[in-house]
């Protein structure tokens, strides 16, 4: 199978992980975008040249982080929460996978004036609105259990194992 087809298949599988994913790019360690795709119904928040610069900067930051691998361990992923977008970067061998996702619900709700500065506020909001809380925080998971609130407790490592496993073929 050609590299282009493999990259396209990997990106398609990443889009299948979550409907809020907007953009996926696979970037070489030289900073070149090997393959990228924007969700059909979305538009880029950056100009093309800024997207390319951002991807080059992803590689620069990877090299800077590697300086601390010996003492702190390798970076599993980077998660940046911005007002308009969530950015996730993970490293697979000599490639970086850059994913943008619609902003988290808590950011949107805070922008609407909701007071969600504590775990208690978030749990109460979920309970009052008949929501299922999806969290990586084990304390929130325990609080949900104690209060009979439906909760899905996510393990970051398992989420990214799926992505990494699908990308190992490159």
C-alpha atoms as a PDB file:
ATOM      1  CA  UNK A   1       0.000   0.000   0.000  1.00  0.00           C
ATOM      2  CA  UNK A   2       1.397   3.427  -0.900  1.00  0.00           C
ATOM      3  CA  UNK A   3       2.369   5.905   1.810  1.00  0.00           C
ATOM      4  CA  UNK A   4      -0.302   8.348   0.644  1.00  0.00           C
ATOM      5  CA  UNK A   5      -3.039   5.704   0.950  1.00  0.00           C
ATOM      6  CA  UNK A   6      -1.771   4.666   4.405  1.00  0.00           C
ATOM      7  CA  UNK A   7      -1.728   8.279   5.591  1.00  0.00           C
ATOM      8  CA  UNK A   8      -5.211   8.865   4.200  1.00  0.00           C
ATOM      9  CA  UNK A   9      -6.482   5.705   5.953  1.00  0.00           C
ATOM     10  CA  UNK A  10      -4.908   6.782   9.246  1.00  0.00           C
ATOM     11  CA  UNK A  11      -6.483  10.219   9.011  1.00  0.00           C
ATOM     12  CA  UNK A  12      -9.879   8.696   8.196  1.00  0.00           C
ATOM     13  CA  UNK A  13      -9.625   6.467  11.281  1.00  0.00           C
ATOM     14  CA  UNK A  14      -8.738   9.466  13.439  1.00  0.00           C
ATOM     15  CA  UNK A  15     -11.819  11.338  12.161  1.00  0.00           C
ATOM     16  CA  UNK A  16     -13.930   8.302  13.122  1.00  0.00           C
ATOM     17  CA  UNK A  17     -12.809   8.655  16.761  1.00  0.00           C
ATOM     18  CA  UNK A  18     -14.919  11.730  17.418  1.00  0.00           C
ATOM     19  CA  UNK A  19     -17.375  13.820  15.405  1.00  0.00           C
ATOM     20  CA  UNK A  20     -15.928  17.053  16.848  1.00  0.00           C
ATOM     21  CA  UNK A  21     -12.563  16.551  15.138  1.00  0.00           C
ATOM     22  CA  UNK A  22     -12.039  19.371  12.630  1.00  0.00           C
ATOM     23  CA  UNK A  23      -8.570  18.871  11.178  1.00  0.00           C
ATOM     24  CA  UNK A  24      -5.836  16.218  11.153  1.00  0.00           C
ATOM     25  CA  UNK A  25      -2.274  16.574   9.876  1.00  0.00           C
ATOM     26  CA  UNK A  26       0.590  14.121   9.863  1.00  0.00           C
ATOM     27  CA  UNK A  27       3.884  15.999   9.946  1.00  0.00           C
ATOM     28  CA  UNK A  28       7.401  14.712   9.291  1.00  0.00           C
ATOM     29  CA  UNK A  29      10.262  15.550  11.660  1.00  0.00           C
ATOM     30  CA  UNK A  30      11.489  18.003   9.030  1.00  0.00           C
ATOM     31  CA  UNK A  31       8.241  19.983   9.447  1.00  0.00           C
ATOM     32  CA  UNK A  32       6.698  18.958   6.136  1.00  0.00           C
ATOM     33  CA  UNK A  33       2.970  18.214   6.141  1.00  0.00           C
ATOM     34  CA  UNK A  34       2.847  14.683   4.741  1.00  0.00           C
ATOM     35  CA  UNK A  35      -0.928  14.560   4.614  1.00  0.00           C
ATOM     36  CA  UNK A  36      -3.704  16.673   6.080  1.00  0.00           C
ATOM     37  CA  UNK A  37      -7.433  16.921   5.873  1.00  0.00           C
ATOM     38  CA  UNK A  38     -10.037  19.406   7.070  1.00  0.00           C
ATOM     39  CA  UNK A  39     -13.517  18.089   7.825  1.00  0.00           C
ATOM     40  CA  UNK A  40     -15.732  18.827   4.834  1.00  0.00           C
ATOM     41  CA  UNK A  41     -18.162  21.133   6.655  1.00  0.00           C
ATOM     42  CA  UNK A  42     -15.427  23.128   8.440  1.00  0.00           C
ATOM     43  CA  UNK A  43     -13.067  25.895   7.402  1.00  0.00           C
ATOM     44  CA  UNK A  44      -9.608  26.610   8.720  1.00  0.00           C
ATOM     45  CA  UNK A  45      -9.254  29.207  11.442  1.00  0.00           C
ATOM     46  CA  UNK A  46      -5.790  29.983  10.042  1.00  0.00           C
ATOM     47  CA  UNK A  47      -4.572  31.069   6.633  1.00  0.00           C
ATOM     48  CA  UNK A  48      -2.767  28.340   4.647  1.00  0.00           C
ATOM     49  CA  UNK A  49       0.692  29.813   5.286  1.00  0.00           C
ATOM     50  CA  UNK A  50      -0.061  30.087   9.023  1.00  0.00           C
ATOM     51  CA  UNK A  51      -1.173  26.444   9.089  1.00  0.00           C
ATOM     52  CA  UNK A  52       2.125  25.441   7.494  1.00  0.00           C
ATOM     53  CA  UNK A  53       4.113  27.572   9.951  1.00  0.00           C
ATOM     54  CA  UNK A  54       2.165  26.117  12.861  1.00  0.00           C
ATOM     55  CA  UNK A  55       2.999  22.588  11.685  1.00  0.00           C
ATOM     56  CA  UNK A  56       6.698  23.481  11.381  1.00  0.00           C
ATOM     57  CA  UNK A  57       6.534  24.884  14.913  1.00  0.00           C
ATOM     58  CA  UNK A  58       5.019  21.592  16.153  1.00  0.00           C
ATOM     59  CA  UNK A  59       8.267  19.902  15.098  1.00  0.00           C
ATOM     60  CA  UNK A  60      10.423  22.605  16.713  1.00  0.00           C
ATOM     61  CA  UNK A  61       8.541  22.181  20.007  1.00  0.00           C
ATOM     62  CA  UNK A  62       8.929  18.379  19.747  1.00  0.00           C
ATOM     63  CA  UNK A  63      12.708  18.788  19.525  1.00  0.00           C
ATOM     64  CA  UNK A  64      12.682  21.191  22.496  1.00  0.00           C
ATOM     65  CA  UNK A  65      10.648  18.732  24.597  1.00  0.00           C
ATOM     66  CA  UNK A  66      12.971  15.834  23.752  1.00  0.00           C
ATOM     67  CA  UNK A  67      15.686  17.602  25.732  1.00  0.00           C
ATOM     68  CA  UNK A  68      13.818  16.577  28.900  1.00  0.00           C
ATOM     69  CA  UNK A  69      12.932  12.989  27.893  1.00  0.00           C
ATOM     70  CA  UNK A  70      15.737  11.447  29.954  1.00  0.00           C
ATOM     71  CA  UNK A  71      14.712  13.079  33.221  1.00  0.00           C
ATOM     72  CA  UNK A  72      10.937  13.473  32.759  1.00  0.00           C
ATOM     73  CA  UNK A  73      10.098  10.691  30.300  1.00  0.00           C
ATOM     74  CA  UNK A  74       8.838  10.943  26.739  1.00  0.00           C
ATOM     75  CA  UNK A  75       5.898  13.189  25.941  1.00  0.00           C
ATOM     76  CA  UNK A  76       2.762  11.127  25.292  1.00  0.00           C
ATOM     77  CA  UNK A  77       0.716  13.989  23.913  1.00  0.00           C
ATOM     78  CA  UNK A  78       0.136  17.723  24.196  1.00  0.00           C
ATOM     79  CA  UNK A  79      -3.330  19.143  24.743  1.00  0.00           C
ATOM     80  CA  UNK A  80      -3.922  22.887  24.301  1.00  0.00           C
ATOM     81  CA  UNK A  81      -7.319  24.352  25.127  1.00  0.00           C
ATOM     82  CA  UNK A  82      -7.962  27.619  23.319  1.00  0.00           C
ATOM     83  CA  UNK A  83     -11.165  29.620  23.262  1.00  0.00           C
ATOM     84  CA  UNK A  84     -11.996  28.650  19.675  1.00  0.00           C
ATOM     85  CA  UNK A  85     -10.289  25.269  19.323  1.00  0.00           C
ATOM     86  CA  UNK A  86      -8.722  22.351  21.150  1.00  0.00           C
ATOM     87  CA  UNK A  87      -5.352  21.250  19.770  1.00  0.00           C
ATOM     88  CA  UNK A  88      -3.833  17.815  20.365  1.00  0.00           C
ATOM     89  CA  UNK A  89      -0.397  16.672  19.240  1.00  0.00           C
ATOM     90  CA  UNK A  90       1.039  13.200  19.687  1.00  0.00           C
ATOM     91  CA  UNK A  91       4.304  11.789  18.433  1.00  0.00           C
ATOM     92  CA  UNK A  92       4.635   8.515  16.531  1.00  0.00           C
ATOM     93  CA  UNK A  93       8.203   7.559  15.653  1.00  0.00           C
ATOM     94  CA  UNK A  94       9.463  10.238  13.241  1.00  0.00           C
ATOM     95  CA  UNK A  95       6.058  11.839  12.759  1.00  0.00           C
ATOM     96  CA  UNK A  96       3.815  14.210  14.673  1.00  0.00           C
ATOM     97  CA  UNK A  97       0.050  13.875  14.523  1.00  0.00           C
ATOM     98  CA  UNK A  98      -1.724  17.205  14.918  1.00  0.00           C
ATOM     99  CA  UNK A  99      -5.476  17.184  15.538  1.00  0.00           C
ATOM    100  CA  UNK A 100      -7.856  20.074  16.122  1.00  0.00           C
ATOM    101  CA  UNK A 101     -11.187  19.561  17.802  1.00  0.00           C
ATOM    102  CA  UNK A 102     -14.151  21.792  18.536  1.00  0.00           C
ATOM    103  CA  UNK A 103     -13.569  23.498  21.906  1.00  0.00           C
ATOM    104  CA  UNK A 104     -14.491  21.625  25.051  1.00  0.00           C
ATOM    105  CA  UNK A 105     -17.998  22.127  26.427  1.00  0.00           C
ATOM    106  CA  UNK A 106     -16.681  23.718  29.628  1.00  0.00           C
ATOM    107  CA  UNK A 107     -14.935  26.473  27.650  1.00  0.00           C
ATOM    108  CA  UNK A 108     -18.100  27.171  25.668  1.00  0.00           C
ATOM    109  CA  UNK A 109     -20.203  27.265  28.839  1.00  0.00           C
ATOM    110  CA  UNK A 110     -17.741  29.572  30.590  1.00  0.00           C
ATOM    111  CA  UNK A 111     -17.918  31.903  27.612  1.00  0.00           C
ATOM    112  CA  UNK A 112     -21.691  31.946  28.116  1.00  0.00           C
ATOM    113  CA  UNK A 113     -21.170  33.079  31.710  1.00  0.00           C
ATOM    114  CA  UNK A 114     -21.638  29.714  33.459  1.00  0.00           C
ATOM    115  CA  UNK A 115     -19.579  29.396  36.627  1.00  0.00           C
ATOM    116  CA  UNK A 116     -17.718  26.116  36.184  1.00  0.00           C
ATOM    117  CA  UNK A 117     -14.493  26.819  38.022  1.00  0.00           C
ATOM    118  CA  UNK A 118     -14.647  23.811  40.305  1.00  0.00           C
ATOM    119  CA  UNK A 119     -15.305  20.111  39.934  1.00  0.00           C
ATOM    120  CA  UNK A 120     -18.372  20.527  42.132  1.00  0.00           C
ATOM    121  CA  UNK A 121     -19.852  23.112  39.733  1.00  0.00           C
ATOM    122  CA  UNK A 122     -19.209  20.898  36.702  1.00  0.00           C
ATOM    123  CA  UNK A 123     -20.775  17.848  38.374  1.00  0.00           C
ATOM    124  CA  UNK A 124     -23.808  19.859  39.500  1.00  0.00           C
ATOM    125  CA  UNK A 125     -24.241  21.332  36.022  1.00  0.00           C
ATOM    126  CA  UNK A 126     -24.169  17.838  34.517  1.00  0.00           C
ATOM    127  CA  UNK A 127     -26.667  16.570  37.090  1.00  0.00           C
ATOM    128  CA  UNK A 128     -29.057  19.525  36.654  1.00  0.00           C
ATOM    129  CA  UNK A 129     -29.018  19.114  32.875  1.00  0.00           C
ATOM    130  CA  UNK A 130     -29.357  15.309  32.787  1.00  0.00           C
ATOM    131  CA  UNK A 131     -25.942  14.985  31.209  1.00  0.00           C
ATOM    132  CA  UNK A 132     -23.440  12.174  31.231  1.00  0.00           C
ATOM    133  CA  UNK A 133     -20.107  13.431  32.484  1.00  0.00           C
ATOM    134  CA  UNK A 134     -17.152  12.295  30.389  1.00  0.00           C
ATOM    135  CA  UNK A 135     -13.920  12.853  32.277  1.00  0.00           C
ATOM    136  CA  UNK A 136     -10.318  11.790  32.675  1.00  0.00           C
ATOM    137  CA  UNK A 137     -10.323  12.893  36.318  1.00  0.00           C
ATOM    138  CA  UNK A 138     -10.683   9.912  38.672  1.00  0.00           C
ATOM    139  CA  UNK A 139     -11.917  12.154  41.497  1.00  0.00           C
ATOM    140  CA  UNK A 140     -14.749  13.392  39.282  1.00  0.00           C
ATOM    141  CA  UNK A 141     -15.502   9.776  38.385  1.00  0.00           C
ATOM    142  CA  UNK A 142     -15.700   8.898  42.066  1.00  0.00           C
ATOM    143  CA  UNK A 143     -17.928  11.930  42.772  1.00  0.00           C
ATOM    144  CA  UNK A 144     -20.270  10.837  39.988  1.00  0.00           C
ATOM    145  CA  UNK A 145     -20.441   7.356  41.452  1.00  0.00           C
ATOM    146  CA  UNK A 146     -21.177   8.735  44.936  1.00  0.00           C
ATOM    147  CA  UNK A 147     -23.981  10.920  43.529  1.00  0.00           C
ATOM    148  CA  UNK A 148     -25.496   8.381  41.095  1.00  0.00           C
ATOM    149  CA  UNK A 149     -24.541  10.547  38.138  1.00  0.00           C
ATOM    150  CA  UNK A 150     -23.833   8.734  34.874  1.00  0.00           C
ATOM    151  CA  UNK A 151     -20.165   9.054  34.044  1.00  0.00           C
ATOM    152  CA  UNK A 152     -17.673   7.760  31.516  1.00  0.00           C
ATOM    153  CA  UNK A 153     -14.198   7.720  32.995  1.00  0.00           C
ATOM    154  CA  UNK A 154     -11.580   7.969  30.253  1.00  0.00           C
ATOM    155  CA  UNK A 155      -7.995   6.857  30.472  1.00  0.00           C
ATOM    156  CA  UNK A 156      -5.756   9.127  28.349  1.00  0.00           C
ATOM    157  CA  UNK A 157      -3.326   6.338  27.748  1.00  0.00           C
ATOM    158  CA  UNK A 158      -5.999   4.075  26.264  1.00  0.00           C
ATOM    159  CA  UNK A 159      -7.317   6.821  23.983  1.00  0.00           C
ATOM    160  CA  UNK A 160      -3.905   7.550  22.570  1.00  0.00           C
ATOM    161  CA  UNK A 161      -2.960   3.856  22.358  1.00  0.00           C
ATOM    162  CA  UNK A 162      -5.698   3.542  19.751  1.00  0.00           C
ATOM    163  CA  UNK A 163      -4.303   6.439  17.715  1.00  0.00           C
ATOM    164  CA  UNK A 164      -0.724   5.258  18.090  1.00  0.00           C
ATOM    165  CA  UNK A 165      -1.553   1.683  17.152  1.00  0.00           C
ATOM    166  CA  UNK A 166      -3.284   2.811  13.977  1.00  0.00           C
ATOM    167  CA  UNK A 167      -0.316   4.962  13.017  1.00  0.00           C
ATOM    168  CA  UNK A 168       2.441   2.400  13.671  1.00  0.00           C
ATOM    169  CA  UNK A 169       2.188   1.132  10.127  1.00  0.00           C
ATOM    170  CA  UNK A 170       3.876   4.283   8.808  1.00  0.00           C
END
